[in-house]
Amino acid sequence: MRPVDRQIRMITACLMLFGLWAFPVLSGAQPRLVPATFSQLAQQAKPGVVNIQTVKTIKGGGRVFRHFFGSPFGNQPGLEDFFSPFRRMPRDRTESSLGSGFIIDKTGYIVTNNHVIKDADQVKVILHNDQEYDARIIGVDPVTDLALIKIDAKDLKPLKFGSSKNIPVGSWVVAIGSPFGLEQTVTAGIVSAKGRIIGSGPYDDFIQTDASINPGNSGGPLLNMDGEVVGINTAIIKSGQGIGFAIPSDLATTVIDQLKDSKRVSRGWLGVSIQDVSREMREYYNLNPDEGVYVAKAYEDNPAHEAGIRQGDVIISVEGVEIRSSRDLTLTIANLRVGSRVDVEVIRQGKNKTFTVKLGERPDSSDGFQSGEEFNNFDDLGFMFKTLDKELARQLGYPLSIKGLVVIRINPGSQAAMSGVRVGDLLVEINHKNITGMSDYTRTMRKIEKGQTAHMLFRRGNSQIFVVRFEK
């Protein structure tokens, strides 16, 4: 056999071997990758996705009406009579808006965003076959921007919820809705990230996706490749392309179930102000990395305080679920039923303690106050303090029951000036000793010898706590 023939046969054999090896992998991946899969998914989900149109009345004609029909000279004497005919003109006007939603059961319940139907006088639902129905609002939850509405219709085809917890980053997802009024628009992309916080509220836990989402998609479903709803499309970043956000299905289902049962949402409540633990605070309290949430305040007559939890405790678990951040605690407690008893594990002065808390439902707190005195000179660190009193607490937004020293001045160039502490911050502890007035401060600082460390626990506003270390 000639060398050239041998080479040709070897190349042919390699190509055949590669083909036999590669084909099953490629063919096995096809159901998840080829456009036909998206087409099939879209056809299956289409009957469950709806277009929502709302009409609301804007009182007084709105800002634009007042701009054009108000007096161009302001409220000047002698001009009222001239412009009075215009003021008697009808000032109310109607405004229409568009959104999306999806059917969740055959009896006509539909999920959408609260902002889609907020303040609406009329809500109309348009099905995939162009049938129109008037909808009534069952319940809303502005905190999570979810709403439940209902239509009287038959033979509906609902979508099923899947678990947002089980969908990994990088998975294919499909968004269906009515962007800019273009009904049944289908876009595809991936899960870009999970657990996004966008500043919309205390229960931020959004799925980020690059599937195209535009105005009008709000309230529509985000589907996995099995056709299950894993998110409710709700927000976009106007200046960014390929950045949209959806409410996770695991969060949404708990809200929707309550709206369906009682037309309102109640959430578990500990009655504490909390914050994540900084590096300095971990050192101060001898905590492990990523461990727990600091209790900045345990409000009196609230569930946590009644159970024995106090300011300075670090919550590390609830019902056996590890707590690593403020968001972990907020979401965990919010998903528990009001009135249920839960075990809350804390670290207090280096020791683990467990308290059984009967959860409440967001009551307001009321507090007393402490009178004050003023320290008129800078101390060795560069601080000038005033004991917190009732009036000062109200001005600075502190609870009236809290005690401590308010920073009223900071000496430029001092340790205090370089520490990050601001005027208005409240000193509440030094080396784990409570500071309620200037006598406490003076006595505690005298016991700290030159060269030793003073760990000062400050409070900023109504909830933020931080520790600053000073060398005396």
Foldseek 3Di string as FASTA:
>chain_A
DDPVVVVVVVVVVVVVVVCVVVVVVVVVCVCQDDVVLVVVLLVQQQQFKKKKKFKAKDQQQDPVLCVVLPDPVPDDPPCCVVSVVSVPPHRIDMDMFIAMWGDADFQFKIKFFCVNCPRTPWMWIAGSVRDIFTKDWLAHDQQLRMTIIGTGDGPGDGAAADFLVPFDFFAKKKQFWQAVHNHGDIWIWTFHDWQDDDPSHLQRIKTWWLTDDHGRSGHTFIAGSVSHGQFGWHDADPVDHSTTITHGPVLVVLQVVCSVVPNHAFFWDQQFFKFAADPVNCVLLVHDALFFIFGQARFPPGFNVVQPDGHGKGWQDKQNHGDRGPNSVVSVRRSDDQQDWIWIWTADSNDIDITITRTHTDDDGAAAADDKAWAPDADQQFFGWIWDTQVLCVVQQEHRHAAFIFGQDGHPPGNVNVFPDDGGKGWQDKSNHGHRYPVSVVVVVVVADQQGKIWTWIDHHHHDIDITIDGD
